[in-house]
Amino acid sequence: MSEKEMNSYRFSSGIEPSDEMLKQLMKEVAEEAKESNDKAMIDFFKSLKHEAKSIRKEWSNHQSFSVNG
């Protein structure tokens, strides 16, 4: 299936996609979903690490104050 054919197809056209078109569309959607999921996972763990670092720093300051306070 050519890229031109894929780009010209619209679901609203009233014409059912061929099995080949549907397979290609599903593959592309799955790839985009995986990329989006991977990015969200990376962002989540970055945020989690940042929050853990912040809590460790705060806890360290708290312990230092209790010992020296």
PDB file of N, CA and C in Angstrom:
ATOM      1  N   MET A   1       0.847  -1.177   0.000  1.00  0.00           N
ATOM      2  CA  MET A   1       0.000   0.000   0.000  1.00  0.00           C
ATOM      3  C   MET A   1       0.889   1.236   0.000  1.00  0.00           C
ATOM      4  N   SER A   2       0.667   2.113  -0.938  1.00  0.00           N
ATOM      5  CA  SER A   2       1.502   3.304  -1.020  1.00  0.00           C
ATOM      6  C   SER A   2       1.107   4.315   0.061  1.00  0.00           C
ATOM      7  N   GLU A   3       2.047   5.160   0.387  1.00  0.00           N
ATOM      8  CA  GLU A   3       1.787   6.199   1.384  1.00  0.00           C
ATOM      9  C   GLU A   3       0.701   7.150   0.879  1.00  0.00           C
ATOM     10  N   LYS A   4       0.699   7.414  -0.407  1.00  0.00           N
ATOM     11  CA  LYS A   4      -0.297   8.302  -1.006  1.00  0.00           C
ATOM     12  C   LYS A   4      -1.701   7.722  -0.811  1.00  0.00           C
ATOM     13  N   GLU A   5      -1.852   6.422  -1.038  1.00  0.00           N
ATOM     14  CA  GLU A   5      -3.151   5.768  -0.840  1.00  0.00           C
ATOM     15  C   GLU A   5      -3.581   5.835   0.623  1.00  0.00           C
ATOM     16  N   MET A   6      -2.625   5.603   1.512  1.00  0.00           N
ATOM     17  CA  MET A   6      -2.938   5.652   2.951  1.00  0.00           C
ATOM     18  C   MET A   6      -3.366   7.059   3.361  1.00  0.00           C
ATOM     19  N   ASN A   7      -2.665   8.058   2.870  1.00  0.00           N
ATOM     20  CA  ASN A   7      -2.972   9.436   3.240  1.00  0.00           C
ATOM     21  C   ASN A   7      -4.283   9.930   2.637  1.00  0.00           C
ATOM     22  N   SER A   8      -4.691   9.354   1.526  1.00  0.00           N
ATOM     23  CA  SER A   8      -5.917   9.815   0.869  1.00  0.00           C
ATOM     24  C   SER A   8      -7.172   9.178   1.475  1.00  0.00           C
ATOM     25  N   TYR A   9      -7.024   8.077   2.199  1.00  0.00           N
ATOM     26  CA  TYR A   9      -8.197   7.399   2.757  1.00  0.00           C
ATOM     27  C   TYR A   9      -8.733   8.154   3.963  1.00  0.00           C
ATOM     28  N   ARG A  10     -10.039   8.275   4.052  1.00  0.00           N
ATOM     29  CA  ARG A  10     -10.717   8.883   5.195  1.00  0.00           C
ATOM     30  C   ARG A  10     -11.848   7.963   5.625  1.00  0.00           C
ATOM     31  N   PHE A  11     -11.954   7.710   6.918  1.00  0.00           N
ATOM     32  CA  PHE A  11     -13.024   6.841   7.407  1.00  0.00           C
ATOM     33  C   PHE A  11     -14.397   7.431   7.115  1.00  0.00           C
ATOM     34  N   SER A  12     -14.495   8.726   7.057  1.00  0.00           N
ATOM     35  CA  SER A  12     -15.785   9.366   6.823  1.00  0.00           C
ATOM     36  C   SER A  12     -16.240   9.271   5.367  1.00  0.00           C
ATOM     37  N   SER A  13     -15.424   8.675   4.519  1.00  0.00           N
ATOM     38  CA  SER A  13     -15.763   8.594   3.096  1.00  0.00           C
ATOM     39  C   SER A  13     -16.900   7.612   2.821  1.00  0.00           C
ATOM     40  N   GLY A  14     -17.280   6.805   3.811  1.00  0.00           N
ATOM     41  CA  GLY A  14     -18.338   5.825   3.606  1.00  0.00           C
ATOM     42  C   GLY A  14     -17.850   4.549   2.965  1.00  0.00           C
ATOM     43  N   ILE A  15     -16.579   4.472   2.691  1.00  0.00           N
ATOM     44  CA  ILE A  15     -15.988   3.283   2.075  1.00  0.00           C
ATOM     45  C   ILE A  15     -15.162   2.566   3.137  1.00  0.00           C
ATOM     46  N   GLU A  16     -15.418   1.293   3.291  1.00  0.00           N
ATOM     47  CA  GLU A  16     -14.676   0.505   4.276  1.00  0.00           C
ATOM     48  C   GLU A  16     -13.218   0.366   3.843  1.00  0.00           C
ATOM     49  N   PRO A  17     -12.290   0.416   4.792  1.00  0.00           N
ATOM     50  CA  PRO A  17     -10.881   0.230   4.432  1.00  0.00           C
ATOM     51  C   PRO A  17     -10.632  -1.234   4.060  1.00  0.00           C
ATOM     52  N   SER A  18      -9.677  -1.432   3.181  1.00  0.00           N
ATOM     53  CA  SER A  18      -9.313  -2.808   2.833  1.00  0.00           C
ATOM     54  C   SER A  18      -8.599  -3.422   4.036  1.00  0.00           C
ATOM     55  N   ASP A  19      -8.467  -4.727   4.044  1.00  0.00           N
ATOM     56  CA  ASP A  19      -7.754  -5.396   5.132  1.00  0.00           C
ATOM     57  C   ASP A  19      -6.322  -4.881   5.234  1.00  0.00           C
ATOM     58  N   GLU A  20      -5.701  -4.640   4.077  1.00  0.00           N
ATOM     59  CA  GLU A  20      -4.330  -4.140   4.046  1.00  0.00           C
ATOM     60  C   GLU A  20      -4.260  -2.737   4.668  1.00  0.00           C
ATOM     61  N   MET A  21      -5.215  -1.880   4.310  1.00  0.00           N
ATOM     62  CA  MET A  21      -5.254  -0.531   4.877  1.00  0.00           C
ATOM     63  C   MET A  21      -5.467  -0.588   6.384  1.00  0.00           C
ATOM     64  N   LEU A  22      -6.411  -1.397   6.802  1.00  0.00           N
ATOM     65  CA  LEU A  22      -6.725  -1.510   8.221  1.00  0.00           C
ATOM     66  C   LEU A  22      -5.524  -2.030   9.008  1.00  0.00           C
ATOM     67  N   LYS A  23      -4.840  -3.019   8.457  1.00  0.00           N
ATOM     68  CA  LYS A  23      -3.648  -3.555   9.112  1.00  0.00           C
ATOM     69  C   LYS A  23      -2.579  -2.471   9.255  1.00  0.00           C
ATOM     70  N   GLN A  24      -2.368  -1.682   8.190  1.00  0.00           N
ATOM     71  CA  GLN A  24      -1.366  -0.615   8.221  1.00  0.00           C
ATOM     72  C   GLN A  24      -1.761   0.472   9.226  1.00  0.00           C
ATOM     73  N   LEU A  25      -3.031   0.849   9.223  1.00  0.00           N
ATOM     74  CA  LEU A  25      -3.506   1.864  10.172  1.00  0.00           C
ATOM     75  C   LEU A  25      -3.317   1.403  11.616  1.00  0.00           C
ATOM     76  N   MET A  26      -3.670   0.159  11.875  1.00  0.00           N
ATOM     77  CA  MET A  26      -3.532  -0.387  13.227  1.00  0.00           C
ATOM     78  C   MET A  26      -2.066  -0.445  13.646  1.00  0.00           C
ATOM     79  N   LYS A  27      -1.194  -0.797  12.717  1.00  0.00           N
ATOM     80  CA  LYS A  27       0.240  -0.851  13.006  1.00  0.00           C
ATOM     81  C   LYS A  27       0.766   0.534  13.367  1.00  0.00           C
ATOM     82  N   GLU A  28       0.375   1.540  12.586  1.00  0.00           N
ATOM     83  CA  GLU A  28       0.835   2.902  12.843  1.00  0.00           C
ATOM     84  C   GLU A  28       0.308   3.429  14.181  1.00  0.00           C
ATOM     85  N   VAL A  29      -0.944   3.152  14.467  1.00  0.00           N
ATOM     86  CA  VAL A  29      -1.521   3.580  15.740  1.00  0.00           C
ATOM     87  C   VAL A  29      -0.807   2.897  16.901  1.00  0.00           C
ATOM     88  N   ALA A  30      -0.519   1.619  16.770  1.00  0.00           N
ATOM     89  CA  ALA A  30       0.191   0.886  17.826  1.00  0.00           C
ATOM     90  C   ALA A  30       1.593   1.463  18.040  1.00  0.00           C
ATOM     91  N   GLU A  31       2.277   1.808  16.963  1.00  0.00           N
ATOM     92  CA  GLU A  31       3.619   2.396  17.078  1.00  0.00           C
ATOM     93  C   GLU A  31       3.560   3.751  17.786  1.00  0.00           C
ATOM     94  N   GLU A  32       2.584   4.573  17.410  1.00  0.00           N
ATOM     95  CA  GLU A  32       2.427   5.885  18.048  1.00  0.00           C
ATOM     96  C   GLU A  32       2.079   5.735  19.526  1.00  0.00           C
ATOM     97  N   ALA A  33       1.221   4.778  19.842  1.00  0.00           N
ATOM     98  CA  ALA A  33       0.846   4.544  21.239  1.00  0.00           C
ATOM     99  C   ALA A  33       2.053   4.090  22.052  1.00  0.00           C
ATOM    100  N   LYS A  34       2.872   3.233  21.479  1.00  0.00           N
ATOM    101  CA  LYS A  34       4.073   2.766  22.182  1.00  0.00           C
ATOM    102  C   LYS A  34       5.032   3.921  22.431  1.00  0.00           C
ATOM    103  N   GLU A  35       5.253   4.756  21.413  1.00  0.00           N
ATOM    104  CA  GLU A  35       6.140   5.910  21.579  1.00  0.00           C
ATOM    105  C   GLU A  35       5.616   6.843  22.671  1.00  0.00           C
ATOM    106  N   SER A  36       4.329   7.085  22.649  1.00  0.00           N
ATOM    107  CA  SER A  36       3.712   7.964  23.650  1.00  0.00           C
ATOM    108  C   SER A  36       3.835   7.364  25.045  1.00  0.00           C
ATOM    109  N   ASN A  37       3.607   6.068  25.146  1.00  0.00           N
ATOM    110  CA  ASN A  37       3.717   5.382  26.428  1.00  0.00           C
ATOM    111  C   ASN A  37       5.155   5.411  26.948  1.00  0.00           C
ATOM    112  N   ASP A  38       6.112   5.170  26.062  1.00  0.00           N
ATOM    113  CA  ASP A  38       7.527   5.193  26.452  1.00  0.00           C
ATOM    114  C   ASP A  38       7.914   6.575  26.977  1.00  0.00           C
ATOM    115  N   LYS A  39       7.474   7.627  26.289  1.00  0.00           N
ATOM    116  CA  LYS A  39       7.790   8.988  26.722  1.00  0.00           C
ATOM    117  C   LYS A  39       7.142   9.277  28.076  1.00  0.00           C
ATOM    118  N   ALA A  40       5.896   8.882  28.241  1.00  0.00           N
ATOM    119  CA  ALA A  40       5.206   9.106  29.513  1.00  0.00           C
ATOM    120  C   ALA A  40       5.912   8.366  30.649  1.00  0.00           C
ATOM    121  N   MET A  41       6.379   7.159  30.385  1.00  0.00           N
ATOM    122  CA  MET A  41       7.083   6.378  31.398  1.00  0.00           C
ATOM    123  C   MET A  41       8.391   7.064  31.794  1.00  0.00           C
ATOM    124  N   ILE A  42       9.138   7.546  30.814  1.00  0.00           N
ATOM    125  CA  ILE A  42      10.392   8.252  31.089  1.00  0.00           C
ATOM    126  C   ILE A  42      10.119   9.507  31.911  1.00  0.00           C
ATOM    127  N   ASP A  43       9.109  10.279  31.506  1.00  0.00           N
ATOM    128  CA  ASP A  43       8.757  11.497  32.245  1.00  0.00           C
ATOM    129  C   ASP A  43       8.329  11.179  33.672  1.00  0.00           C
ATOM    130  N   PHE A  44       7.561  10.108  33.856  1.00  0.00           N
ATOM    131  CA  PHE A  44       7.096   9.712  35.187  1.00  0.00           C
ATOM    132  C   PHE A  44       8.277   9.379  36.092  1.00  0.00           C
ATOM    133  N   PHE A  45       9.221   8.579  35.590  1.00  0.00           N
ATOM    134  CA  PHE A  45      10.351   8.188  36.428  1.00  0.00           C
ATOM    135  C   PHE A  45      11.301   9.352  36.694  1.00  0.00           C
ATOM    136  N   LYS A  46      11.427  10.284  35.741  1.00  0.00           N
ATOM    137  CA  LYS A  46      12.205  11.497  36.002  1.00  0.00           C
ATOM    138  C   LYS A  46      11.573  12.272  37.153  1.00  0.00           C
ATOM    139  N   SER A  47      10.266  12.421  37.093  1.00  0.00           N
ATOM    140  CA  SER A  47       9.545  13.136  38.140  1.00  0.00           C
ATOM    141  C   SER A  47       9.674  12.422  39.481  1.00  0.00           C
ATOM    142  N   LEU A  48       9.575  11.110  39.463  1.00  0.00           N
ATOM    143  CA  LEU A  48       9.693  10.320  40.688  1.00  0.00           C
ATOM    144  C   LEU A  48      11.083  10.469  41.304  1.00  0.00           C
ATOM    145  N   LYS A  49      12.121  10.415  40.473  1.00  0.00           N
ATOM    146  CA  LYS A  49      13.494  10.589  40.973  1.00  0.00           C
ATOM    147  C   LYS A  49      13.689  11.984  41.550  1.00  0.00           C
ATOM    148  N   HIS A  50      13.147  12.988  40.876  1.00  0.00           N
ATOM    149  CA  HIS A  50      13.264  14.364  41.362  1.00  0.00           C
ATOM    150  C   HIS A  50      12.570  14.506  42.725  1.00  0.00           C
ATOM    151  N   GLU A  51      11.401  13.940  42.842  1.00  0.00           N
ATOM    152  CA  GLU A  51      10.655  14.007  44.103  1.00  0.00           C
ATOM    153  C   GLU A  51      11.396  13.267  45.215  1.00  0.00           C
ATOM    154  N   ALA A  52      11.957  12.110  44.907  1.00  0.00           N
ATOM    155  CA  ALA A  52      12.711  11.343  45.913  1.00  0.00           C
ATOM    156  C   ALA A  52      13.934  12.126  46.371  1.00  0.00           C
ATOM    157  N   LYS A  53      14.619  12.763  45.431  1.00  0.00           N
ATOM    158  CA  LYS A  53      15.795  13.569  45.768  1.00  0.00           C
ATOM    159  C   LYS A  53      15.396  14.722  46.685  1.00  0.00           C
ATOM    160  N   SER A  54      14.292  15.353  46.378  1.00  0.00           N
ATOM    161  CA  SER A  54      13.794  16.463  47.183  1.00  0.00           C
ATOM    162  C   SER A  54      13.436  16.002  48.603  1.00  0.00           C
ATOM    163  N   ILE A  55      12.796  14.866  48.706  1.00  0.00           N
ATOM    164  CA  ILE A  55      12.406  14.330  50.023  1.00  0.00           C
ATOM    165  C   ILE A  55      13.648  13.934  50.815  1.00  0.00           C
ATOM    166  N   ARG A  56      14.638  13.303  50.156  1.00  0.00           N
ATOM    167  CA  ARG A  56      15.881  12.950  50.847  1.00  0.00           C
ATOM    168  C   ARG A  56      16.572  14.188  51.406  1.00  0.00           C
ATOM    169  N   LYS A  57      16.617  15.244  50.603  1.00  0.00           N
ATOM    170  CA  LYS A  57      17.258  16.487  51.031  1.00  0.00           C
ATOM    171  C   LYS A  57      16.506  17.080  52.228  1.00  0.00           C
ATOM    172  N   GLU A  58      15.200  17.101  52.130  1.00  0.00           N
ATOM    173  CA  GLU A  58      14.388  17.636  53.226  1.00  0.00           C
ATOM    174  C   GLU A  58      14.575  16.796  54.491  1.00  0.00           C
ATOM    175  N   TRP A  59      14.576  15.482  54.355  1.00  0.00           N
ATOM    176  CA  TRP A  59      14.752  14.594  55.494  1.00  0.00           C
ATOM    177  C   TRP A  59      16.147  14.757  56.105  1.00  0.00           C
ATOM    178  N   SER A  60      17.154  14.919  55.250  1.00  0.00           N
ATOM    179  CA  SER A  60      18.517  15.128  55.727  1.00  0.00           C
ATOM    180  C   SER A  60      18.598  16.413  56.540  1.00  0.00           C
ATOM    181  N   ASN A  61      17.981  17.470  56.053  1.00  0.00           N
ATOM    182  CA  ASN A  61      17.952  18.733  56.785  1.00  0.00           C
ATOM    183  C   ASN A  61      17.222  18.576  58.120  1.00  0.00           C
ATOM    184  N   HIS A  62      16.173  17.812  58.133  1.00  0.00           N
ATOM    185  CA  HIS A  62      15.389  17.580  59.345  1.00  0.00           C
ATOM    186  C   HIS A  62      16.223  16.824  60.385  1.00  0.00           C
ATOM    187  N   GLN A  63      16.938  15.781  59.932  1.00  0.00           N
ATOM    188  CA  GLN A  63      17.777  15.002  60.848  1.00  0.00           C
ATOM    189  C   GLN A  63      18.921  15.851  61.382  1.00  0.00           C
ATOM    190  N   SER A  64      19.507  16.670  60.531  1.00  0.00           N
ATOM    191  CA  SER A  64      20.612  17.534  60.938  1.00  0.00           C
ATOM    192  C   SER A  64      20.126  18.536  61.978  1.00  0.00           C
ATOM    193  N   PHE A  65      18.928  19.058  61.811  1.00  0.00           N
ATOM    194  CA  PHE A  65      18.375  20.011  62.769  1.00  0.00           C
ATOM    195  C   PHE A  65      18.113  19.338  64.110  1.00  0.00           C
ATOM    196  N   SER A  66      17.608  18.093  64.055  1.00  0.00           N
ATOM    197  CA  SER A  66      17.313  17.386  65.308  1.00  0.00           C
ATOM    198  C   SER A  66      18.587  17.086  66.096  1.00  0.00           C
ATOM    199  N   VAL A  67      19.662  16.736  65.413  1.00  0.00           N
ATOM    200  CA  VAL A  67      20.924  16.407  66.079  1.00  0.00           C
ATOM    201  C   VAL A  67      21.596  17.667  66.588  1.00  0.00           C
ATOM    202  N   ASN A  68      21.595  18.702  65.782  1.00  0.00           N
ATOM    203  CA  ASN A  68      22.307  19.930  66.139  1.00  0.00           C
ATOM    204  C   ASN A  68      21.411  20.955  66.838  1.00  0.00           C
ATOM    205  N   GLY A  69      20.109  20.723  66.809  1.00  0.00           N
ATOM    206  CA  GLY A  69      19.144  21.703  67.255  1.00  0.00           C
ATOM    207  C   GLY A  69      19.099  21.908  68.686  1.00  0.00           C
TER     208      GLY A  69
END
